Amino acid sequence: MQIIKSDVGIPHIAWAEKYGGVVTYRGFLNKPRVFITDPKVLQHVIVSSVYDYPRPPGFVRDLKPLLGSGLRSEERRVGKECR
């Protein structure tokens, strides 16, 4: 409920300060979420081992209007073909 009642990002910032660079919590419909602020962990997940961490359904679809098409916004098969 803290996320719903607060301004966007405020609970996440407080959690990162209190618990560190990787925080897990339950989101909408009690689905598990991971919030990462640690630069080394972000590099591992987003760059070094991107194919080991599948994106949730709808993730790419929701971010394409914001980020456009590219290696980071494409799914596994298409992303590998682009390289």
PDB file of N, CA and C in Angstrom:
ATOM      1  N   MET A   1       0.818  -1.205   0.000  1.00  0.00           N
ATOM      2  CA  MET A   1       0.000   0.000   0.000  1.00  0.00           C
ATOM      3  C   MET A   1       0.857   1.261   0.000  1.00  0.00           C
ATOM      4  N   GLN A   2       2.078   1.134   0.468  1.00  0.00           N
ATOM      5  CA  GLN A   2       2.967   2.288   0.526  1.00  0.00           C
ATOM      6  C   GLN A   2       3.196   2.876  -0.865  1.00  0.00           C
ATOM      7  N   ILE A   3       3.310   2.013  -1.879  1.00  0.00           N
ATOM      8  CA  ILE A   3       3.541   2.478  -3.244  1.00  0.00           C
ATOM      9  C   ILE A   3       2.334   3.249  -3.763  1.00  0.00           C
ATOM     10  N   ILE A   4       1.147   2.768  -3.493  1.00  0.00           N
ATOM     11  CA  ILE A   4      -0.077   3.385  -3.990  1.00  0.00           C
ATOM     12  C   ILE A   4      -0.315   4.744  -3.344  1.00  0.00           C
ATOM     13  N   LYS A   5      -0.034   4.865  -2.067  1.00  0.00           N
ATOM     14  CA  LYS A   5      -0.317   6.093  -1.329  1.00  0.00           C
ATOM     15  C   LYS A   5       0.743   7.177  -1.516  1.00  0.00           C
ATOM     16  N   SER A   6       1.931   6.829  -1.976  1.00  0.00           N
ATOM     17  CA  SER A   6       3.033   7.787  -2.102  1.00  0.00           C
ATOM     18  C   SER A   6       3.192   8.279  -3.536  1.00  0.00           C
ATOM     19  N   ASP A   7       3.969   9.347  -3.677  1.00  0.00           N
ATOM     20  CA  ASP A   7       4.334   9.820  -5.006  1.00  0.00           C
ATOM     21  C   ASP A   7       5.224   8.786  -5.679  1.00  0.00           C
ATOM     22  N   VAL A   8       5.284   8.824  -6.997  1.00  0.00           N
ATOM     23  CA  VAL A   8       6.047   7.853  -7.768  1.00  0.00           C
ATOM     24  C   VAL A   8       7.519   7.849  -7.345  1.00  0.00           C
ATOM     25  N   GLY A   9       8.028   6.647  -7.033  1.00  0.00           N
ATOM     26  CA  GLY A   9       9.442   6.471  -6.719  1.00  0.00           C
ATOM     27  C   GLY A   9       9.856   6.732  -5.287  1.00  0.00           C
ATOM     28  N   ILE A  10       9.040   7.405  -4.511  1.00  0.00           N
ATOM     29  CA  ILE A  10       9.417   7.751  -3.138  1.00  0.00           C
ATOM     30  C   ILE A  10       9.648   6.509  -2.281  1.00  0.00           C
ATOM     31  N   PRO A  11       8.747   5.524  -2.272  1.00  0.00           N
ATOM     32  CA  PRO A  11       9.018   4.320  -1.467  1.00  0.00           C
ATOM     33  C   PRO A  11      10.276   3.586  -1.931  1.00  0.00           C
ATOM     34  N   HIS A  12      10.498   3.543  -3.240  1.00  0.00           N
ATOM     35  CA  HIS A  12      11.662   2.844  -3.778  1.00  0.00           C
ATOM     36  C   HIS A  12      12.966   3.478  -3.291  1.00  0.00           C
ATOM     37  N   ILE A  13      13.011   4.788  -3.288  1.00  0.00           N
ATOM     38  CA  ILE A  13      14.209   5.490  -2.811  1.00  0.00           C
ATOM     39  C   ILE A  13      14.446   5.194  -1.337  1.00  0.00           C
ATOM     40  N   ALA A  14      13.386   5.235  -0.551  1.00  0.00           N
ATOM     41  CA  ALA A  14      13.512   4.946   0.888  1.00  0.00           C
ATOM     42  C   ALA A  14      13.968   3.505   1.113  1.00  0.00           C
ATOM     43  N   TRP A  15      13.438   2.564   0.349  1.00  0.00           N
ATOM     44  CA  TRP A  15      13.841   1.159   0.490  1.00  0.00           C
ATOM     45  C   TRP A  15      15.305   0.973   0.127  1.00  0.00           C
ATOM     46  N   ALA A  16      15.747   1.618  -0.955  1.00  0.00           N
ATOM     47  CA  ALA A  16      17.147   1.504  -1.370  1.00  0.00           C
ATOM     48  C   ALA A  16      18.076   2.055  -0.297  1.00  0.00           C
ATOM     49  N   GLU A  17      17.704   3.161   0.308  1.00  0.00           N
ATOM     50  CA  GLU A  17      18.524   3.737   1.378  1.00  0.00           C
ATOM     51  C   GLU A  17      18.553   2.830   2.604  1.00  0.00           C
ATOM     52  N   LYS A  18      17.417   2.215   2.905  1.00  0.00           N
ATOM     53  CA  LYS A  18      17.317   1.385   4.110  1.00  0.00           C
ATOM     54  C   LYS A  18      17.891  -0.015   3.912  1.00  0.00           C
ATOM     55  N   TYR A  19      17.618  -0.644   2.747  1.00  0.00           N
ATOM     56  CA  TYR A  19      17.956  -2.057   2.554  1.00  0.00           C
ATOM     57  C   TYR A  19      19.126  -2.308   1.598  1.00  0.00           C
ATOM     58  N   GLY A  20      19.537  -1.307   0.837  1.00  0.00           N
ATOM     59  CA  GLY A  20      20.660  -1.498  -0.083  1.00  0.00           C
ATOM     60  C   GLY A  20      20.243  -1.484  -1.535  1.00  0.00           C
ATOM     61  N   GLY A  21      21.160  -1.920  -2.393  1.00  0.00           N
ATOM     62  CA  GLY A  21      21.005  -1.794  -3.835  1.00  0.00           C
ATOM     63  C   GLY A  21      20.098  -2.779  -4.529  1.00  0.00           C
ATOM     64  N   VAL A  22      19.629  -3.818  -3.843  1.00  0.00           N
ATOM     65  CA  VAL A  22      18.696  -4.781  -4.432  1.00  0.00           C
ATOM     66  C   VAL A  22      17.565  -5.021  -3.441  1.00  0.00           C
ATOM     67  N   VAL A  23      16.350  -4.701  -3.863  1.00  0.00           N
ATOM     68  CA  VAL A  23      15.190  -4.834  -2.984  1.00  0.00           C
ATOM     69  C   VAL A  23      14.128  -5.649  -3.708  1.00  0.00           C
ATOM     70  N   THR A  24      13.581  -6.646  -3.041  1.00  0.00           N
ATOM     71  CA  THR A  24      12.459  -7.402  -3.604  1.00  0.00           C
ATOM     72  C   THR A  24      11.203  -7.047  -2.829  1.00  0.00           C
ATOM     73  N   TYR A  25      10.097  -6.993  -3.544  1.00  0.00           N
ATOM     74  CA  TYR A  25       8.818  -6.676  -2.924  1.00  0.00           C
ATOM     75  C   TYR A  25       7.705  -7.263  -3.775  1.00  0.00           C
ATOM     76  N   ARG A  26       6.489  -7.214  -3.288  1.00  0.00           N
ATOM     77  CA  ARG A  26       5.329  -7.710  -4.032  1.00  0.00           C
ATOM     78  C   ARG A  26       4.593  -6.522  -4.626  1.00  0.00           C
ATOM     79  N   GLY A  27       4.309  -6.603  -5.917  1.00  0.00           N
ATOM     80  CA  GLY A  27       3.629  -5.521  -6.619  1.00  0.00           C
ATOM     81  C   GLY A  27       2.171  -5.839  -6.872  1.00  0.00           C
ATOM     82  N   PHE A  28       1.664  -5.307  -7.957  1.00  0.00           N
ATOM     83  CA  PHE A  28       0.276  -5.482  -8.343  1.00  0.00           C
ATOM     84  C   PHE A  28      -0.067  -6.968  -8.446  1.00  0.00           C
ATOM     85  N   LEU A  29      -1.193  -7.352  -7.889  1.00  0.00           N
ATOM     86  CA  LEU A  29      -1.660  -8.731  -7.840  1.00  0.00           C
ATOM     87  C   LEU A  29      -0.653  -9.663  -7.151  1.00  0.00           C
ATOM     88  N   ASN A  30       0.108  -9.100  -6.228  1.00  0.00           N
ATOM     89  CA  ASN A  30       1.068  -9.844  -5.411  1.00  0.00           C
ATOM     90  C   ASN A  30       2.195 -10.477  -6.229  1.00  0.00           C
ATOM     91  N   LYS A  31       2.483  -9.901  -7.397  1.00  0.00           N
ATOM     92  CA  LYS A  31       3.561 -10.425  -8.234  1.00  0.00           C
ATOM     93  C   LYS A  31       4.908  -9.942  -7.695  1.00  0.00           C
ATOM     94  N   PRO A  32       5.913 -10.822  -7.690  1.00  0.00           N
ATOM     95  CA  PRO A  32       7.225 -10.426  -7.176  1.00  0.00           C
ATOM     96  C   PRO A  32       7.897  -9.395  -8.079  1.00  0.00           C
ATOM     97  N   ARG A  33       8.522  -8.429  -7.456  1.00  0.00           N
ATOM     98  CA  ARG A  33       9.239  -7.369  -8.161  1.00  0.00           C
ATOM     99  C   ARG A  33      10.633  -7.236  -7.571  1.00  0.00           C
ATOM    100  N   VAL A  34      11.575  -6.802  -8.399  1.00  0.00           N
ATOM    101  CA  VAL A  34      12.942  -6.556  -7.948  1.00  0.00           C
ATOM    102  C   VAL A  34      13.300  -5.130  -8.344  1.00  0.00           C
ATOM    103  N   PHE A  35      13.790  -4.365  -7.380  1.00  0.00           N
ATOM    104  CA  PHE A  35      14.215  -2.981  -7.609  1.00  0.00           C
ATOM    105  C   PHE A  35      15.717  -2.931  -7.398  1.00  0.00           C
ATOM    106  N   ILE A  36      16.469  -2.572  -8.453  1.00  0.00           N
ATOM    107  CA  ILE A  36      17.927  -2.609  -8.399  1.00  0.00           C
ATOM    108  C   ILE A  36      18.489  -1.208  -8.589  1.00  0.00           C
ATOM    109  N   THR A  37      19.361  -0.792  -7.653  1.00  0.00           N
ATOM    110  CA  THR A  37      20.049   0.489  -7.786  1.00  0.00           C
ATOM    111  C   THR A  37      21.567   0.324  -7.745  1.00  0.00           C
ATOM    112  N   ASP A  38      22.049  -0.850  -7.385  1.00  0.00           N
ATOM    113  CA  ASP A  38      23.483  -1.103  -7.311  1.00  0.00           C
ATOM    114  C   ASP A  38      24.050  -1.159  -8.734  1.00  0.00           C
ATOM    115  N   PRO A  39      25.016  -0.288  -9.075  1.00  0.00           N
ATOM    116  CA  PRO A  39      25.551  -0.246 -10.441  1.00  0.00           C
ATOM    117  C   PRO A  39      26.155  -1.567 -10.926  1.00  0.00           C
ATOM    118  N   LYS A  40      26.838  -2.292 -10.065  1.00  0.00           N
ATOM    119  CA  LYS A  40      27.442  -3.565 -10.482  1.00  0.00           C
ATOM    120  C   LYS A  40      26.365  -4.605 -10.785  1.00  0.00           C
ATOM    121  N   VAL A  41      25.327  -4.632  -9.983  1.00  0.00           N
ATOM    122  CA  VAL A  41      24.228  -5.574 -10.218  1.00  0.00           C
ATOM    123  C   VAL A  41      23.477  -5.190 -11.493  1.00  0.00           C
ATOM    124  N   LEU A  42      23.243  -3.894 -11.689  1.00  0.00           N
ATOM    125  CA  LEU A  42      22.587  -3.438 -12.916  1.00  0.00           C
ATOM    126  C   LEU A  42      23.394  -3.835 -14.152  1.00  0.00           C
ATOM    127  N   GLN A  43      24.697  -3.661 -14.103  1.00  0.00           N
ATOM    128  CA  GLN A  43      25.541  -4.046 -15.236  1.00  0.00           C
ATOM    129  C   GLN A  43      25.436  -5.540 -15.510  1.00  0.00           C
ATOM    130  N   HIS A  44      25.436  -6.331 -14.445  1.00  0.00           N
ATOM    131  CA  HIS A  44      25.332  -7.778 -14.608  1.00  0.00           C
ATOM    132  C   HIS A  44      24.004  -8.163 -15.258  1.00  0.00           C
ATOM    133  N   VAL A  45      22.913  -7.600 -14.769  1.00  0.00           N
ATOM    134  CA  VAL A  45      21.576  -7.968 -15.248  1.00  0.00           C
ATOM    135  C   VAL A  45      21.294  -7.409 -16.636  1.00  0.00           C
ATOM    136  N   ILE A  46      21.686  -6.169 -16.893  1.00  0.00           N
ATOM    137  CA  ILE A  46      21.312  -5.499 -18.136  1.00  0.00           C
ATOM    138  C   ILE A  46      22.319  -5.721 -19.261  1.00  0.00           C
ATOM    139  N   VAL A  47      23.607  -5.890 -18.913  1.00  0.00           N
ATOM    140  CA  VAL A  47      24.634  -5.977 -19.952  1.00  0.00           C
ATOM    141  C   VAL A  47      25.276  -7.360 -20.021  1.00  0.00           C
ATOM    142  N   SER A  48      25.889  -7.781 -18.932  1.00  0.00           N
ATOM    143  CA  SER A  48      26.705  -9.005 -18.949  1.00  0.00           C
ATOM    144  C   SER A  48      25.899 -10.282 -19.136  1.00  0.00           C
ATOM    145  N   SER A  49      24.754 -10.382 -18.496  1.00  0.00           N
ATOM    146  CA  SER A  49      23.974 -11.625 -18.508  1.00  0.00           C
ATOM    147  C   SER A  49      22.522 -11.370 -18.881  1.00  0.00           C
ATOM    148  N   VAL A  50      22.310 -10.494 -19.841  1.00  0.00           N
ATOM    149  CA  VAL A  50      20.958 -10.061 -20.185  1.00  0.00           C
ATOM    150  C   VAL A  50      20.030 -11.224 -20.537  1.00  0.00           C
ATOM    151  N   TYR A  51      20.535 -12.263 -21.179  1.00  0.00           N
ATOM    152  CA  TYR A  51      19.674 -13.365 -21.601  1.00  0.00           C
ATOM    153  C   TYR A  51      19.367 -14.348 -20.473  1.00  0.00           C
ATOM    154  N   ASP A  52      20.029 -14.194 -19.330  1.00  0.00           N
ATOM    155  CA  ASP A  52      19.733 -15.034 -18.176  1.00  0.00           C
ATOM    156  C   ASP A  52      18.567 -14.497 -17.350  1.00  0.00           C
ATOM    157  N   TYR A  53      18.136 -13.278 -17.630  1.00  0.00           N
ATOM    158  CA  TYR A  53      17.074 -12.632 -16.861  1.00  0.00           C
ATOM    159  C   TYR A  53      15.953 -12.224 -17.808  1.00  0.00           C
ATOM    160  N   PRO A  54      14.971 -13.118 -18.026  1.00  0.00           N
ATOM    161  CA  PRO A  54      13.889 -12.792 -18.967  1.00  0.00           C
ATOM    162  C   PRO A  54      13.059 -11.618 -18.471  1.00  0.00           C
ATOM    163  N   ARG A  55      12.596 -10.835 -19.404  1.00  0.00           N
ATOM    164  CA  ARG A  55      11.761  -9.683 -19.066  1.00  0.00           C
ATOM    165  C   ARG A  55      10.323 -10.163 -18.869  1.00  0.00           C
ATOM    166  N   PRO A  56       9.593  -9.505 -17.971  1.00  0.00           N
ATOM    167  CA  PRO A  56       8.194  -9.906 -17.763  1.00  0.00           C
ATOM    168  C   PRO A  56       7.349  -9.602 -19.003  1.00  0.00           C
ATOM    169  N   PRO A  57       6.260 -10.350 -19.194  1.00  0.00           N
ATOM    170  CA  PRO A  57       5.389 -10.092 -20.343  1.00  0.00           C
ATOM    171  C   PRO A  57       4.924  -8.639 -20.347  1.00  0.00           C
ATOM    172  N   GLY A  58       4.941  -8.030 -21.497  1.00  0.00           N
ATOM    173  CA  GLY A  58       4.492  -6.646 -21.626  1.00  0.00           C
ATOM    174  C   GLY A  58       5.588  -5.615 -21.392  1.00  0.00           C
ATOM    175  N   PHE A  59       6.715  -6.029 -20.854  1.00  0.00           N
ATOM    176  CA  PHE A  59       7.808  -5.103 -20.534  1.00  0.00           C
ATOM    177  C   PHE A  59       8.284  -4.373 -21.782  1.00  0.00           C
ATOM    178  N   VAL A  60       8.598  -5.133 -22.814  1.00  0.00           N
ATOM    179  CA  VAL A  60       9.104  -4.546 -24.053  1.00  0.00           C
ATOM    180  C   VAL A  60       8.016  -3.703 -24.701  1.00  0.00           C
ATOM    181  N   ARG A  61       6.817  -4.226 -24.769  1.00  0.00           N
ATOM    182  CA  ARG A  61       5.701  -3.496 -25.389  1.00  0.00           C
ATOM    183  C   ARG A  61       5.471  -2.153 -24.699  1.00  0.00           C
ATOM    184  N   ASP A  62       5.554  -2.136 -23.371  1.00  0.00           N
ATOM    185  CA  ASP A  62       5.303  -0.912 -22.622  1.00  0.00           C
ATOM    186  C   ASP A  62       6.428   0.109 -22.757  1.00  0.00           C
ATOM    187  N   LEU A  63       7.666  -0.360 -22.945  1.00  0.00           N
ATOM    188  CA  LEU A  63       8.796   0.565 -23.023  1.00  0.00           C
ATOM    189  C   LEU A  63       9.147   1.011 -24.442  1.00  0.00           C
ATOM    190  N   LYS A  64       8.678   0.300 -25.452  1.00  0.00           N
ATOM    191  CA  LYS A  64       9.022   0.670 -26.836  1.00  0.00           C
ATOM    192  C   LYS A  64       8.623   2.105 -27.184  1.00  0.00           C
ATOM    193  N   PRO A  65       7.435   2.584 -26.794  1.00  0.00           N
ATOM    194  CA  PRO A  65       7.105   3.973 -27.122  1.00  0.00           C
ATOM    195  C   PRO A  65       8.074   4.979 -26.478  1.00  0.00           C
ATOM    196  N   LEU A  66       8.618   4.631 -25.340  1.00  0.00           N
ATOM    197  CA  LEU A  66       9.535   5.522 -24.637  1.00  0.00           C
ATOM    198  C   LEU A  66      10.962   5.397 -25.166  1.00  0.00           C
ATOM    199  N   LEU A  67      11.436   4.152 -25.356  1.00  0.00           N
ATOM    200  CA  LEU A  67      12.832   3.916 -25.720  1.00  0.00           C
ATOM    201  C   LEU A  67      13.053   3.651 -27.210  1.00  0.00           C
ATOM    202  N   GLY A  68      12.006   3.288 -27.933  1.00  0.00           N
ATOM    203  CA  GLY A  68      12.158   2.936 -29.336  1.00  0.00           C
ATOM    204  C   GLY A  68      12.669   1.522 -29.484  1.00  0.00           C
ATOM    205  N   SER A  69      12.860   1.088 -30.728  1.00  0.00           N
ATOM    206  CA  SER A  69      13.373  -0.252 -30.988  1.00  0.00           C
ATOM    207  C   SER A  69      14.891  -0.235 -30.960  1.00  0.00           C
ATOM    208  N   GLY A  70      15.450  -1.259 -30.378  1.00  0.00           N
ATOM    209  CA  GLY A  70      16.902  -1.381 -30.303  1.00  0.00           C
ATOM    210  C   GLY A  70      17.272  -2.683 -29.640  1.00  0.00           C
ATOM    211  N   LEU A  71      18.558  -2.916 -29.465  1.00  0.00           N
ATOM    212  CA  LEU A  71      19.008  -4.171 -28.856  1.00  0.00           C
ATOM    213  C   LEU A  71      18.430  -4.364 -27.465  1.00  0.00           C
ATOM    214  N   ARG A  72      18.324  -3.323 -26.684  1.00  0.00           N
ATOM    215  CA  ARG A  72      17.823  -3.438 -25.312  1.00  0.00           C
ATOM    216  C   ARG A  72      16.312  -3.635 -25.251  1.00  0.00           C
ATOM    217  N   SER A  73      15.604  -3.173 -26.261  1.00  0.00           N
ATOM    218  CA  SER A  73      14.147  -3.260 -26.205  1.00  0.00           C
ATOM    219  C   SER A  73      13.590  -4.468 -26.945  1.00  0.00           C
ATOM    220  N   GLU A  74      14.434  -5.205 -27.637  1.00  0.00           N
ATOM    221  CA  GLU A  74      13.966  -6.373 -28.377  1.00  0.00           C
ATOM    222  C   GLU A  74      14.050  -7.622 -27.515  1.00  0.00           C
ATOM    223  N   GLU A  75      13.239  -8.584 -27.859  1.00  0.00           N
ATOM    224  CA  GLU A  75      13.258  -9.845 -27.137  1.00  0.00           C
ATOM    225  C   GLU A  75      14.485 -10.648 -27.522  1.00  0.00           C
ATOM    226  N   ARG A  76      14.692 -11.769 -26.854  1.00  0.00           N
ATOM    227  CA  ARG A  76      15.897 -12.586 -27.015  1.00  0.00           C
ATOM    228  C   ARG A  76      16.275 -12.881 -28.459  1.00  0.00           C
ATOM    229  N   ARG A  77      15.401 -13.513 -29.204  1.00  0.00           N
ATOM    230  CA  ARG A  77      15.725 -13.949 -30.550  1.00  0.00           C
ATOM    231  C   ARG A  77      16.071 -12.762 -31.449  1.00  0.00           C
ATOM    232  N   VAL A  78      15.216 -11.742 -31.434  1.00  0.00           N
ATOM    233  CA  VAL A  78      15.431 -10.589 -32.287  1.00  0.00           C
ATOM    234  C   VAL A  78      16.683  -9.840 -31.861  1.00  0.00           C
ATOM    235  N   GLY A  79      16.912  -9.706 -30.572  1.00  0.00           N
ATOM    236  CA  GLY A  79      18.098  -9.025 -30.068  1.00  0.00           C
ATOM    237  C   GLY A  79      19.386  -9.708 -30.513  1.00  0.00           C
ATOM    238  N   LYS A  80      19.398 -11.041 -30.479  1.00  0.00           N
ATOM    239  CA  LYS A  80      20.581 -11.783 -30.923  1.00  0.00           C
ATOM    240  C   LYS A  80      20.801 -11.586 -32.421  1.00  0.00           C
ATOM    241  N   GLU A  81      19.707 -11.562 -33.203  1.00  0.00           N
ATOM    242  CA  GLU A  81      19.836 -11.378 -34.640  1.00  0.00           C
ATOM    243  C   GLU A  81      20.349  -9.985 -34.978  1.00  0.00           C
ATOM    244  N   CYS A  82      19.996  -8.986 -34.197  1.00  0.00           N
ATOM    245  CA  CYS A  82      20.437  -7.617 -34.446  1.00  0.00           C
ATOM    246  C   CYS A  82      21.935  -7.460 -34.268  1.00  0.00           C
ATOM    247  N   ARG A  83      22.517  -8.264 -33.384  1.00  0.00           N
ATOM    248  CA  ARG A  83      23.948  -8.168 -33.148  1.00  0.00           C
ATOM    249  C   ARG A  83      24.690  -8.879 -34.230  1.00  0.00           C
TER     250      ARG A  83
END
